[in-house]
Amino acid sequence: LVLITAYEHYAIKAFKYSAIDYLLKPINLHELQLAIEK
């Protein structure tokens, strides 16, 4: 799971669901690529 959001305050809940990465908007190609590679 990779989560993308404009809000930082969901991070702890995201990792409780074992998110591999948590990207803040606006995302770019490099960030998404690194997250998918993880």
Full PDB file with SEQRES, HELIX, SHEET, SSBOND, CRYST1, ORIGX, SCALE, CONECT and MASTER records, all heavy atoms in Angstrom:
SEQRES   1 A   38  LEU VAL LEU ILE THR ALA TYR GLU HIS TYR ALA ILE LYS          
SEQRES   2 A   38  ALA PHE LYS TYR SER ALA ILE ASP TYR LEU LEU LYS PRO          
SEQRES   3 A   38  ILE ASN LEU HIS GLU LEU GLN LEU ALA ILE GLU LYS              
HELIX    1 AA1 GLU A    8  TYR A   10  5                                   3    
HELIX    2 AA2 ALA A   11  LYS A   16  1                                   6    
HELIX    3 AA3 LEU A   29  GLU A   37  1                                   9    
SHEET    1 AA1 2 VAL A   2  THR A   5  0                                        
SHEET    2 AA1 2 ASP A  21  LEU A  24  1                                        
CRYST1    1.000    1.000    1.000  90.00  90.00  90.00 P 1           1          
ORIGX1      1.000000  0.000000  0.000000        0.00000                         
ORIGX2      0.000000  1.000000  0.000000        0.00000                         
ORIGX3      0.000000  0.000000  1.000000        0.00000                         
SCALE1      1.000000  0.000000  0.000000        0.00000                         
SCALE2      0.000000  1.000000  0.000000        0.00000                         
SCALE3      0.000000  0.000000  1.000000        0.00000                         
ATOM      1  N   LEU A   1       0.830  -1.204   0.000  1.00  0.00           N  
ATOM      2  CA  LEU A   1       0.000   0.000   0.000  1.00  0.00           C  
ATOM      3  C   LEU A   1       0.864   1.252   0.000  1.00  0.00           C  
ATOM      4  O   LEU A   1       1.798   1.372   0.790  1.00  0.00           O  
ATOM      5  CB  LEU A   1      -0.885  -0.017   1.256  1.00  0.00           C  
ATOM      6  CG  LEU A   1      -1.715   1.207   1.593  1.00  0.00           C  
ATOM      7  CD1 LEU A   1      -2.786   1.458   0.537  1.00  0.00           C  
ATOM      8  CD2 LEU A   1      -2.350   1.030   2.975  1.00  0.00           C  
ATOM      9  N   VAL A   2       0.525   2.183  -0.906  1.00  0.00           N  
ATOM     10  CA  VAL A   2       1.144   3.511  -0.940  1.00  0.00           C  
ATOM     11  C   VAL A   2       0.014   4.523  -0.819  1.00  0.00           C  
ATOM     12  O   VAL A   2      -0.937   4.475  -1.602  1.00  0.00           O  
ATOM     13  CB  VAL A   2       1.920   3.758  -2.256  1.00  0.00           C  
ATOM     14  CG1 VAL A   2       2.420   5.198  -2.331  1.00  0.00           C  
ATOM     15  CG2 VAL A   2       3.076   2.772  -2.395  1.00  0.00           C  
ATOM     16  N   LEU A   3       0.111   5.412   0.148  1.00  0.00           N  
ATOM     17  CA  LEU A   3      -0.914   6.428   0.330  1.00  0.00           C  
ATOM     18  C   LEU A   3      -0.406   7.788  -0.116  1.00  0.00           C  
ATOM     19  O   LEU A   3       0.748   8.140   0.099  1.00  0.00           O  
ATOM     20  CB  LEU A   3      -1.360   6.483   1.790  1.00  0.00           C  
ATOM     21  CG  LEU A   3      -2.071   5.212   2.269  1.00  0.00           C  
ATOM     22  CD1 LEU A   3      -2.390   5.308   3.751  1.00  0.00           C  
ATOM     23  CD2 LEU A   3      -3.328   4.962   1.465  1.00  0.00           C  
ATOM     24  N   ILE A   4      -1.307   8.528  -0.764  1.00  0.00           N  
ATOM     25  CA  ILE A   4      -1.010   9.874  -1.259  1.00  0.00           C  
ATOM     26  C   ILE A   4      -2.056  10.809  -0.674  1.00  0.00           C  
ATOM     27  O   ILE A   4      -3.250  10.515  -0.734  1.00  0.00           O  
ATOM     28  CB  ILE A   4      -1.078   9.908  -2.802  1.00  0.00           C  
ATOM     29  CG1 ILE A   4      -0.053   8.945  -3.398  1.00  0.00           C  
ATOM     30  CG2 ILE A   4      -0.864  11.328  -3.313  1.00  0.00           C  
ATOM     31  CD1 ILE A   4      -0.188   8.765  -4.897  1.00  0.00           C  
ATOM     32  N   THR A   5      -1.609  11.926  -0.131  1.00  0.00           N  
ATOM     33  CA  THR A   5      -2.561  12.851   0.474  1.00  0.00           C  
ATOM     34  C   THR A   5      -1.960  14.256   0.589  1.00  0.00           C  
ATOM     35  O   THR A   5      -0.756  14.428   0.475  1.00  0.00           O  
ATOM     36  CB  THR A   5      -2.989  12.356   1.879  1.00  0.00           C  
ATOM     37  OG1 THR A   5      -4.012  13.203   2.381  1.00  0.00           O  
ATOM     38  CG2 THR A   5      -1.817  12.333   2.831  1.00  0.00           C  
ATOM     39  N   ALA A   6      -2.827  15.198   0.831  1.00  0.00           N  
ATOM     40  CA  ALA A   6      -2.380  16.565   1.092  1.00  0.00           C  
ATOM     41  C   ALA A   6      -2.284  16.816   2.598  1.00  0.00           C  
ATOM     42  O   ALA A   6      -1.915  17.902   3.029  1.00  0.00           O  
ATOM     43  CB  ALA A   6      -3.356  17.553   0.459  1.00  0.00           C  
ATOM     44  N   TYR A   7      -2.613  15.792   3.393  1.00  0.00           N  
ATOM     45  CA  TYR A   7      -2.706  15.965   4.844  1.00  0.00           C  
ATOM     46  C   TYR A   7      -1.685  15.100   5.570  1.00  0.00           C  
ATOM     47  O   TYR A   7      -1.673  13.879   5.428  1.00  0.00           O  
ATOM     48  CB  TYR A   7      -4.116  15.591   5.327  1.00  0.00           C  
ATOM     49  CG  TYR A   7      -5.190  16.322   4.560  1.00  0.00           C  
ATOM     50  CD1 TYR A   7      -5.844  15.707   3.494  1.00  0.00           C  
ATOM     51  CD2 TYR A   7      -5.532  17.633   4.872  1.00  0.00           C  
ATOM     52  CE1 TYR A   7      -6.825  16.377   2.777  1.00  0.00           C  
ATOM     53  CE2 TYR A   7      -6.503  18.304   4.154  1.00  0.00           C  
ATOM     54  CZ  TYR A   7      -7.145  17.672   3.107  1.00  0.00           C  
ATOM     55  OH  TYR A   7      -8.107  18.340   2.398  1.00  0.00           O  
ATOM     56  N   GLU A   8      -0.863  15.722   6.392  1.00  0.00           N  
ATOM     57  CA  GLU A   8       0.154  14.994   7.146  1.00  0.00           C  
ATOM     58  C   GLU A   8      -0.425  14.199   8.309  1.00  0.00           C  
ATOM     59  O   GLU A   8       0.147  13.194   8.719  1.00  0.00           O  
ATOM     60  CB  GLU A   8       1.201  15.975   7.690  1.00  0.00           C  
ATOM     61  CG  GLU A   8       2.038  16.620   6.626  1.00  0.00           C  
ATOM     62  CD  GLU A   8       3.032  17.609   7.201  1.00  0.00           C  
ATOM     63  OE1 GLU A   8       3.039  17.848   8.425  1.00  0.00           O  
ATOM     64  OE2 GLU A   8       3.817  18.152   6.401  1.00  0.00           O  
ATOM     65  N   HIS A   9      -1.550  14.620   8.851  1.00  0.00           N  
ATOM     66  CA  HIS A   9      -2.037  14.044  10.104  1.00  0.00           C  
ATOM     67  C   HIS A   9      -2.582  12.615   9.988  1.00  0.00           C  
ATOM     68  O   HIS A   9      -2.928  12.014  10.989  1.00  0.00           O  
ATOM     69  CB  HIS A   9      -3.079  14.964  10.756  1.00  0.00           C  
ATOM     70  CG  HIS A   9      -4.320  15.172   9.954  1.00  0.00           C  
ATOM     71  ND1 HIS A   9      -4.402  16.133   8.976  1.00  0.00           N  
ATOM     72  CD2 HIS A   9      -5.512  14.545   9.981  1.00  0.00           C  
ATOM     73  CE1 HIS A   9      -5.614  16.089   8.434  1.00  0.00           C  
ATOM     74  NE2 HIS A   9      -6.299  15.138   9.027  1.00  0.00           N  
ATOM     75  N   TYR A  10      -2.626  12.038   8.797  1.00  0.00           N  
ATOM     76  CA  TYR A  10      -3.060  10.650   8.647  1.00  0.00           C  
ATOM     77  C   TYR A  10      -1.896   9.662   8.700  1.00  0.00           C  
ATOM     78  O   TYR A  10      -2.096   8.459   8.616  1.00  0.00           O  
ATOM     79  CB  TYR A  10      -3.780  10.458   7.308  1.00  0.00           C  
ATOM     80  CG  TYR A  10      -5.140  11.098   7.230  1.00  0.00           C  
ATOM     81  CD1 TYR A  10      -5.339  12.239   6.453  1.00  0.00           C  
ATOM     82  CD2 TYR A  10      -6.236  10.561   7.900  1.00  0.00           C  
ATOM     83  CE1 TYR A  10      -6.590  12.825   6.359  1.00  0.00           C  
ATOM     84  CE2 TYR A  10      -7.487  11.136   7.807  1.00  0.00           C  
ATOM     85  CZ  TYR A  10      -7.659  12.274   7.033  1.00  0.00           C  
ATOM     86  OH  TYR A  10      -8.890  12.849   6.939  1.00  0.00           O  
ATOM     87  N   ALA A  11      -0.683  10.135   8.833  1.00  0.00           N  
ATOM     88  CA  ALA A  11       0.494   9.273   8.710  1.00  0.00           C  
ATOM     89  C   ALA A  11       0.498   8.115   9.701  1.00  0.00           C  
ATOM     90  O   ALA A  11       0.754   6.973   9.322  1.00  0.00           O  
ATOM     91  CB  ALA A  11       1.769  10.104   8.851  1.00  0.00           C  
ATOM     92  N   ILE A  12       0.216   8.370  10.951  1.00  0.00           N  
ATOM     93  CA  ILE A  12       0.252   7.302  11.951  1.00  0.00           C  
ATOM     94  C   ILE A  12      -0.786   6.233  11.630  1.00  0.00           C  
ATOM     95  O   ILE A  12      -0.491   5.036  11.656  1.00  0.00           O  
ATOM     96  CB  ILE A  12       0.059   7.872  13.372  1.00  0.00           C  
ATOM     97  CG1 ILE A  12       1.280   8.712  13.734  1.00  0.00           C  
ATOM     98  CG2 ILE A  12      -0.160   6.756  14.386  1.00  0.00           C  
ATOM     99  CD1 ILE A  12       1.165   9.476  15.017  1.00  0.00           C  
ATOM    100  N   LYS A  13      -1.989   6.660  11.284  1.00  0.00           N  
ATOM    101  CA  LYS A  13      -3.021   5.692  10.931  1.00  0.00           C  
ATOM    102  C   LYS A  13      -2.618   4.910   9.674  1.00  0.00           C  
ATOM    103  O   LYS A  13      -2.864   3.716   9.576  1.00  0.00           O  
ATOM    104  CB  LYS A  13      -4.361   6.406  10.707  1.00  0.00           C  
ATOM    105  CG  LYS A  13      -5.531   5.471  10.618  1.00  0.00           C  
ATOM    106  CD  LYS A  13      -6.852   6.223  10.662  1.00  0.00           C  
ATOM    107  CE  LYS A  13      -8.018   5.259  10.687  1.00  0.00           C  
ATOM    108  NZ  LYS A  13      -9.299   5.952  10.726  1.00  0.00           N  
ATOM    109  N   ALA A  14      -1.973   5.575   8.736  1.00  0.00           N  
ATOM    110  CA  ALA A  14      -1.533   4.914   7.503  1.00  0.00           C  
ATOM    111  C   ALA A  14      -0.562   3.784   7.806  1.00  0.00           C  
ATOM    112  O   ALA A  14      -0.671   2.686   7.240  1.00  0.00           O  
ATOM    113  CB  ALA A  14      -0.877   5.936   6.576  1.00  0.00           C  
ATOM    114  N   PHE A  15       0.359   4.019   8.688  1.00  0.00           N  
ATOM    115  CA  PHE A  15       1.342   2.990   8.992  1.00  0.00           C  
ATOM    116  C   PHE A  15       0.764   1.874   9.859  1.00  0.00           C  
ATOM    117  O   PHE A  15       1.287   0.764   9.857  1.00  0.00           O  
ATOM    118  CB  PHE A  15       2.612   3.605   9.583  1.00  0.00           C  
ATOM    119  CG  PHE A  15       3.367   4.359   8.524  1.00  0.00           C  
ATOM    120  CD1 PHE A  15       3.416   5.739   8.543  1.00  0.00           C  
ATOM    121  CD2 PHE A  15       3.988   3.688   7.479  1.00  0.00           C  
ATOM    122  CE1 PHE A  15       4.079   6.436   7.542  1.00  0.00           C  
ATOM    123  CE2 PHE A  15       4.652   4.371   6.476  1.00  0.00           C  
ATOM    124  CZ  PHE A  15       4.696   5.745   6.506  1.00  0.00           C  
ATOM    125  N   LYS A  16      -0.328   2.131  10.539  1.00  0.00           N  
ATOM    126  CA  LYS A  16      -1.028   1.052  11.247  1.00  0.00           C  
ATOM    127  C   LYS A  16      -1.622   0.053  10.259  1.00  0.00           C  
ATOM    128  O   LYS A  16      -1.857  -1.093  10.599  1.00  0.00           O  
ATOM    129  CB  LYS A  16      -2.104   1.618  12.175  1.00  0.00           C  
ATOM    130  CG  LYS A  16      -1.518   2.288  13.393  1.00  0.00           C  
ATOM    131  CD  LYS A  16      -2.575   2.775  14.340  1.00  0.00           C  
ATOM    132  CE  LYS A  16      -1.899   3.432  15.527  1.00  0.00           C  
ATOM    133  NZ  LYS A  16      -2.836   3.906  16.531  1.00  0.00           N  
ATOM    134  N   TYR A  17      -1.860   0.510   9.037  1.00  0.00           N  
ATOM    135  CA  TYR A  17      -2.343  -0.372   7.972  1.00  0.00           C  
ATOM    136  C   TYR A  17      -1.176  -0.858   7.100  1.00  0.00           C  
ATOM    137  O   TYR A  17      -1.396  -1.328   5.994  1.00  0.00           O  
ATOM    138  CB  TYR A  17      -3.387   0.346   7.117  1.00  0.00           C  
ATOM    139  CG  TYR A  17      -4.740   0.399   7.773  1.00  0.00           C  
ATOM    140  CD1 TYR A  17      -5.105   1.479   8.568  1.00  0.00           C  
ATOM    141  CD2 TYR A  17      -5.657  -0.643   7.613  1.00  0.00           C  
ATOM    142  CE1 TYR A  17      -6.347   1.522   9.177  1.00  0.00           C  
ATOM    143  CE2 TYR A  17      -6.891  -0.605   8.224  1.00  0.00           C  
ATOM    144  CZ  TYR A  17      -7.231   0.477   9.004  1.00  0.00           C  
ATOM    145  OH  TYR A  17      -8.467   0.526   9.621  1.00  0.00           O  
ATOM    146  N   SER A  18       0.031  -0.734   7.604  1.00  0.00           N  
ATOM    147  CA  SER A  18       1.240  -1.219   6.932  1.00  0.00           C  
ATOM    148  C   SER A  18       1.508  -0.555   5.591  1.00  0.00           C  
ATOM    149  O   SER A  18       1.967  -1.209   4.652  1.00  0.00           O  
ATOM    150  CB  SER A  18       1.184  -2.742   6.772  1.00  0.00           C  
ATOM    151  OG  SER A  18       1.068  -3.371   8.019  1.00  0.00           O  
ATOM    152  N   ALA A  19       1.237   0.727   5.496  1.00  0.00           N  
ATOM    153  CA  ALA A  19       1.563   1.451   4.268  1.00  0.00           C  
ATOM    154  C   ALA A  19       3.074   1.403   4.061  1.00  0.00           C  
ATOM    155  O   ALA A  19       3.842   1.625   4.990  1.00  0.00           O  
ATOM    156  CB  ALA A  19       1.082   2.894   4.348  1.00  0.00           C  
ATOM    157  N   ILE A  20       3.477   1.123   2.835  1.00  0.00           N  
ATOM    158  CA  ILE A  20       4.901   1.079   2.496  1.00  0.00           C  
ATOM    159  C   ILE A  20       5.452   2.502   2.386  1.00  0.00           C  
ATOM    160  O   ILE A  20       6.591   2.762   2.724  1.00  0.00           O  
ATOM    161  CB  ILE A  20       5.117   0.328   1.166  1.00  0.00           C  
ATOM    162  CG1 ILE A  20       4.641  -1.117   1.269  1.00  0.00           C  
ATOM    163  CG2 ILE A  20       6.574   0.399   0.705  1.00  0.00           C  
ATOM    164  CD1 ILE A  20       5.439  -2.009   2.167  1.00  0.00           C  
ATOM    165  N   ASP A  21       4.614   3.426   1.897  1.00  0.00           N  
ATOM    166  CA  ASP A  21       5.052   4.811   1.775  1.00  0.00           C  
ATOM    167  C   ASP A  21       3.852   5.734   1.930  1.00  0.00           C  
ATOM    168  O   ASP A  21       2.700   5.316   1.790  1.00  0.00           O  
ATOM    169  CB  ASP A  21       5.741   5.055   0.429  1.00  0.00           C  
ATOM    170  CG  ASP A  21       6.855   6.090   0.537  1.00  0.00           C  
ATOM    171  OD1 ASP A  21       6.800   6.959   1.430  1.00  0.00           O  
ATOM    172  OD2 ASP A  21       7.784   6.026  -0.285  1.00  0.00           O  
ATOM    173  N   TYR A  22       4.139   6.991   2.230  1.00  0.00           N  
ATOM    174  CA  TYR A  22       3.137   8.022   2.487  1.00  0.00           C  
ATOM    175  C   TYR A  22       3.621   9.272   1.784  1.00  0.00           C  
ATOM    176  O   TYR A  22       4.565   9.912   2.238  1.00  0.00           O  
ATOM    177  CB  TYR A  22       3.039   8.232   4.002  1.00  0.00           C  
ATOM    178  CG  TYR A  22       1.935   9.131   4.484  1.00  0.00           C  
ATOM    179  CD1 TYR A  22       0.683   8.613   4.777  1.00  0.00           C  
ATOM    180  CD2 TYR A  22       2.156  10.492   4.686  1.00  0.00           C  
ATOM    181  CE1 TYR A  22      -0.327   9.429   5.262  1.00  0.00           C  
ATOM    182  CE2 TYR A  22       1.146  11.316   5.156  1.00  0.00           C  
ATOM    183  CZ  TYR A  22      -0.086  10.776   5.446  1.00  0.00           C  
ATOM    184  OH  TYR A  22      -1.084  11.571   5.923  1.00  0.00           O  
ATOM    185  N   LEU A  23       3.028   9.570   0.635  1.00  0.00           N  
ATOM    186  CA  LEU A  23       3.483  10.691  -0.183  1.00  0.00           C  
ATOM    187  C   LEU A  23       2.554  11.892  -0.018  1.00  0.00           C  
ATOM    188  O   LEU A  23       1.335  11.736  -0.071  1.00  0.00           O  
ATOM    189  CB  LEU A  23       3.518  10.283  -1.659  1.00  0.00           C  
ATOM    190  CG  LEU A  23       4.344   9.035  -1.990  1.00  0.00           C  
ATOM    191  CD1 LEU A  23       4.221   8.714  -3.475  1.00  0.00           C  
ATOM    192  CD2 LEU A  23       5.787   9.211  -1.586  1.00  0.00           C  
ATOM    193  N   LEU A  24       3.157  13.050   0.157  1.00  0.00           N  
ATOM    194  CA  LEU A  24       2.370  14.277   0.254  1.00  0.00           C  
ATOM    195  C   LEU A  24       2.240  14.916  -1.120  1.00  0.00           C  
ATOM    196  O   LEU A  24       3.200  14.951  -1.896  1.00  0.00           O  
ATOM    197  CB  LEU A  24       3.022  15.260   1.225  1.00  0.00           C  
ATOM    198  CG  LEU A  24       2.981  14.853   2.700  1.00  0.00           C  
ATOM    199  CD1 LEU A  24       3.766  15.841   3.538  1.00  0.00           C  
ATOM    200  CD2 LEU A  24       1.545  14.755   3.197  1.00  0.00           C  
ATOM    201  N   LYS A  25       1.033  15.395  -1.418  1.00  0.00           N  
ATOM    202  CA  LYS A  25       0.785  16.088  -2.687  1.00  0.00           C  
ATOM    203  C   LYS A  25       1.447  17.446  -2.661  1.00  0.00           C  
ATOM    204  O   LYS A  25       1.521  18.061  -1.602  1.00  0.00           O  
ATOM    205  CB  LYS A  25      -0.727  16.252  -2.915  1.00  0.00           C  
ATOM    206  CG  LYS A  25      -1.427  14.953  -3.202  1.00  0.00           C  
ATOM    207  CD  LYS A  25      -2.906  15.202  -3.429  1.00  0.00           C  
ATOM    208  CE  LYS A  25      -3.648  13.913  -3.712  1.00  0.00           C  
ATOM    209  NZ  LYS A  25      -5.069  14.132  -3.931  1.00  0.00           N  
ATOM    210  N   PRO A  26       1.902  17.948  -3.755  1.00  0.00           N  
ATOM    211  CA  PRO A  26       1.881  17.309  -5.068  1.00  0.00           C  
ATOM    212  C   PRO A  26       3.041  16.321  -5.187  1.00  0.00           C  
ATOM    213  O   PRO A  26       4.161  16.606  -4.760  1.00  0.00           O  
ATOM    214  CB  PRO A  26       2.073  18.480  -6.041  1.00  0.00           C  
ATOM    215  CG  PRO A  26       2.861  19.489  -5.259  1.00  0.00           C  
ATOM    216  CD  PRO A  26       2.438  19.311  -3.823  1.00  0.00           C  
ATOM    217  N   ILE A  27       2.759  15.152  -5.760  1.00  0.00           N  
ATOM    218  CA  ILE A  27       3.803  14.147  -5.922  1.00  0.00           C  
ATOM    219  C   ILE A  27       4.506  14.355  -7.255  1.00  0.00           C  
ATOM    220  O   ILE A  27       4.007  15.065  -8.120  1.00  0.00           O  
ATOM    221  CB  ILE A  27       3.235  12.710  -5.845  1.00  0.00           C  
ATOM    222  CG1 ILE A  27       2.280  12.437  -7.003  1.00  0.00           C  
ATOM    223  CG2 ILE A  27       2.585  12.464  -4.512  1.00  0.00           C  
ATOM    224  CD1 ILE A  27       2.018  10.964  -7.232  1.00  0.00           C  
ATOM    225  N   ASN A  28       5.662  13.724  -7.385  1.00  0.00           N  
ATOM    226  CA  ASN A  28       6.366  13.766  -8.663  1.00  0.00           C  
ATOM    227  C   ASN A  28       6.727  12.336  -9.069  1.00  0.00           C  
ATOM    228  O   ASN A  28       6.584  11.398  -8.276  1.00  0.00           O  
ATOM    229  CB  ASN A  28       7.594  14.682  -8.598  1.00  0.00           C  
ATOM    230  CG  ASN A  28       8.621  14.217  -7.588  1.00  0.00           C  
ATOM    231  OD1 ASN A  28       9.053  13.075  -7.604  1.00  0.00           O  
ATOM    232  ND2 ASN A  28       9.023  15.113  -6.692  1.00  0.00           N  
ATOM    233  N   LEU A  29       7.179  12.187 -10.282  1.00  0.00           N  
ATOM    234  CA  LEU A  29       7.489  10.866 -10.827  1.00  0.00           C  
ATOM    235  C   LEU A  29       8.519  10.138  -9.974  1.00  0.00           C  
ATOM    236  O   LEU A  29       8.359   8.959  -9.670  1.00  0.00           O  
ATOM    237  CB  LEU A  29       7.984  10.988 -12.275  1.00  0.00           C  
ATOM    238  CG  LEU A  29       8.455   9.699 -12.954  1.00  0.00           C  
ATOM    239  CD1 LEU A  29       7.334   8.684 -13.024  1.00  0.00           C  
ATOM    240  CD2 LEU A  29       9.010   9.993 -14.338  1.00  0.00           C  
ATOM    241  N   HIS A  30       9.554  10.830  -9.566  1.00  0.00           N  
ATOM    242  CA  HIS A  30      10.623  10.189  -8.798  1.00  0.00           C  
ATOM    243  C   HIS A  30      10.102   9.627  -7.468  1.00  0.00           C  
ATOM    244  O   HIS A  30      10.436   8.508  -7.087  1.00  0.00           O  
ATOM    245  CB  HIS A  30      11.769  11.181  -8.564  1.00  0.00           C  
ATOM    246  CG  HIS A  30      12.934  10.583  -7.849  1.00  0.00           C  
ATOM    247  ND1 HIS A  30      13.740   9.617  -8.410  1.00  0.00           N  
ATOM    248  CD2 HIS A  30      13.418  10.801  -6.604  1.00  0.00           C  
ATOM    249  CE1 HIS A  30      14.674   9.274  -7.541  1.00  0.00           C  
ATOM    250  NE2 HIS A  30      14.504   9.981  -6.435  1.00  0.00           N  
ATOM    251  N   GLU A  31       9.295  10.415  -6.755  1.00  0.00           N  
ATOM    252  CA  GLU A  31       8.725   9.944  -5.477  1.00  0.00           C  
ATOM    253  C   GLU A  31       7.865   8.701  -5.684  1.00  0.00           C  
ATOM    254  O   GLU A  31       7.964   7.739  -4.916  1.00  0.00           O  
ATOM    255  CB  GLU A  31       7.851  11.030  -4.850  1.00  0.00           C  
ATOM    256  CG  GLU A  31       8.583  12.183  -4.243  1.00  0.00           C  
ATOM    257  CD  GLU A  31       7.603  13.208  -3.687  1.00  0.00           C  
ATOM    258  OE1 GLU A  31       6.579  13.498  -4.324  1.00  0.00           O  
ATOM    259  OE2 GLU A  31       7.898  13.714  -2.596  1.00  0.00           O  
ATOM    260  N   LEU A  32       7.020   8.742  -6.707  1.00  0.00           N  
ATOM    261  CA  LEU A  32       6.147   7.601  -6.969  1.00  0.00           C  
ATOM    262  C   LEU A  32       6.968   6.380  -7.371  1.00  0.00           C  
ATOM    263  O   LEU A  32       6.699   5.272  -6.911  1.00  0.00           O  
ATOM    264  CB  LEU A  32       5.118   7.941  -8.053  1.00  0.00           C  
ATOM    265  CG  LEU A  32       4.074   6.857  -8.313  1.00  0.00           C  
ATOM    266  CD1 LEU A  32       3.239   6.580  -7.064  1.00  0.00           C  
ATOM    267  CD2 LEU A  32       3.169   7.263  -9.462  1.00  0.00           C  
ATOM    268  N   GLN A  33       7.981   6.578  -8.174  1.00  0.00           N  
ATOM    269  CA  GLN A  33       8.839   5.477  -8.592  1.00  0.00           C  
ATOM    270  C   GLN A  33       9.520   4.834  -7.378  1.00  0.00           C  
ATOM    271  O   GLN A  33       9.541   3.614  -7.251  1.00  0.00           O  
ATOM    272  CB  GLN A  33       9.894   5.969  -9.582  1.00  0.00           C  
ATOM    273  CG  GLN A  33      10.828   4.868 -10.052  1.00  0.00           C  
ATOM    274  CD  GLN A  33      11.849   5.359 -11.061  1.00  0.00           C  
ATOM    275  OE1 GLN A  33      11.976   6.557 -11.306  1.00  0.00           O  
ATOM    276  NE2 GLN A  33      12.571   4.437 -11.645  1.00  0.00           N  
ATOM    277  N   LEU A  34      10.057   5.647  -6.487  1.00  0.00           N  
ATOM    278  CA  LEU A  34      10.699   5.108  -5.288  1.00  0.00           C  
ATOM    279  C   LEU A  34       9.715   4.329  -4.415  1.00  0.00           C  
ATOM    280  O   LEU A  34      10.047   3.270  -3.879  1.00  0.00           O  
ATOM    281  CB  LEU A  34      11.350   6.234  -4.476  1.00  0.00           C  
ATOM    282  CG  LEU A  34      12.579   6.886  -5.109  1.00  0.00           C  
ATOM    283  CD1 LEU A  34      13.056   8.064  -4.245  1.00  0.00           C  
ATOM    284  CD2 LEU A  34      13.699   5.888  -5.314  1.00  0.00           C  
ATOM    285  N   ALA A  35       8.504   4.854  -4.291  1.00  0.00           N  
ATOM    286  CA  ALA A  35       7.487   4.172  -3.488  1.00  0.00           C  
ATOM    287  C   ALA A  35       7.129   2.820  -4.099  1.00  0.00           C  
ATOM    288  O   ALA A  35       7.031   1.809  -3.384  1.00  0.00           O  
ATOM    289  CB  ALA A  35       6.240   5.052  -3.367  1.00  0.00           C  
ATOM    290  N   ILE A  36       6.936   2.782  -5.402  1.00  0.00           N  
ATOM    291  CA  ILE A  36       6.596   1.522  -6.069  1.00  0.00           C  
ATOM    292  C   ILE A  36       7.769   0.543  -5.984  1.00  0.00           C  
ATOM    293  O   ILE A  36       7.568  -0.657  -5.773  1.00  0.00           O  
ATOM    294  CB  ILE A  36       6.152   1.769  -7.525  1.00  0.00           C  
ATOM    295  CG1 ILE A  36       4.812   2.511  -7.533  1.00  0.00           C  
ATOM    296  CG2 ILE A  36       6.038   0.451  -8.293  1.00  0.00           C  
ATOM    297  CD1 ILE A  36       4.338   2.962  -8.908  1.00  0.00           C  
ATOM    298  N   GLU A  37       8.997   1.037  -6.106  1.00  0.00           N  
ATOM    299  CA  GLU A  37      10.165   0.164  -5.969  1.00  0.00           C  
ATOM    300  C   GLU A  37      10.242  -0.443  -4.571  1.00  0.00           C  
ATOM    301  O   GLU A  37      10.623  -1.602  -4.413  1.00  0.00           O  
ATOM    302  CB  GLU A  37      11.445   0.926  -6.303  1.00  0.00           C  
ATOM    303  CG  GLU A  37      11.602   1.175  -7.789  1.00  0.00           C  
ATOM    304  CD  GLU A  37      12.769   2.092  -8.142  1.00  0.00           C  
ATOM    305  OE1 GLU A  37      13.472   2.589  -7.213  1.00  0.00           O  
ATOM    306  OE2 GLU A  37      12.981   2.310  -9.348  1.00  0.00           O  
ATOM    307  N   LYS A  38       9.872   0.317  -3.538  1.00  0.00           N  
ATOM    308  CA  LYS A  38       9.812  -0.233  -2.184  1.00  0.00           C  
ATOM    309  C   LYS A  38       8.798  -1.365  -2.123  1.00  0.00           C  
ATOM    310  O   LYS A  38       9.031  -2.399  -1.492  1.00  0.00           O  
ATOM    311  CB  LYS A  38       9.399   0.845  -1.172  1.00  0.00           C  
ATOM    312  CG  LYS A  38      10.451   1.822  -0.808  1.00  0.00           C  
ATOM    313  CD  LYS A  38       9.887   2.779   0.259  1.00  0.00           C  
ATOM    314  CE  LYS A  38      10.684   4.024   0.390  1.00  0.00           C  
ATOM    315  NZ  LYS A  38      10.069   4.957   1.356  1.00  0.00           N  
TER     316      LYS A  38                                                      
MASTER        0    0    0    3    2    0    0    6  315    1    0    3          
END                                                                             
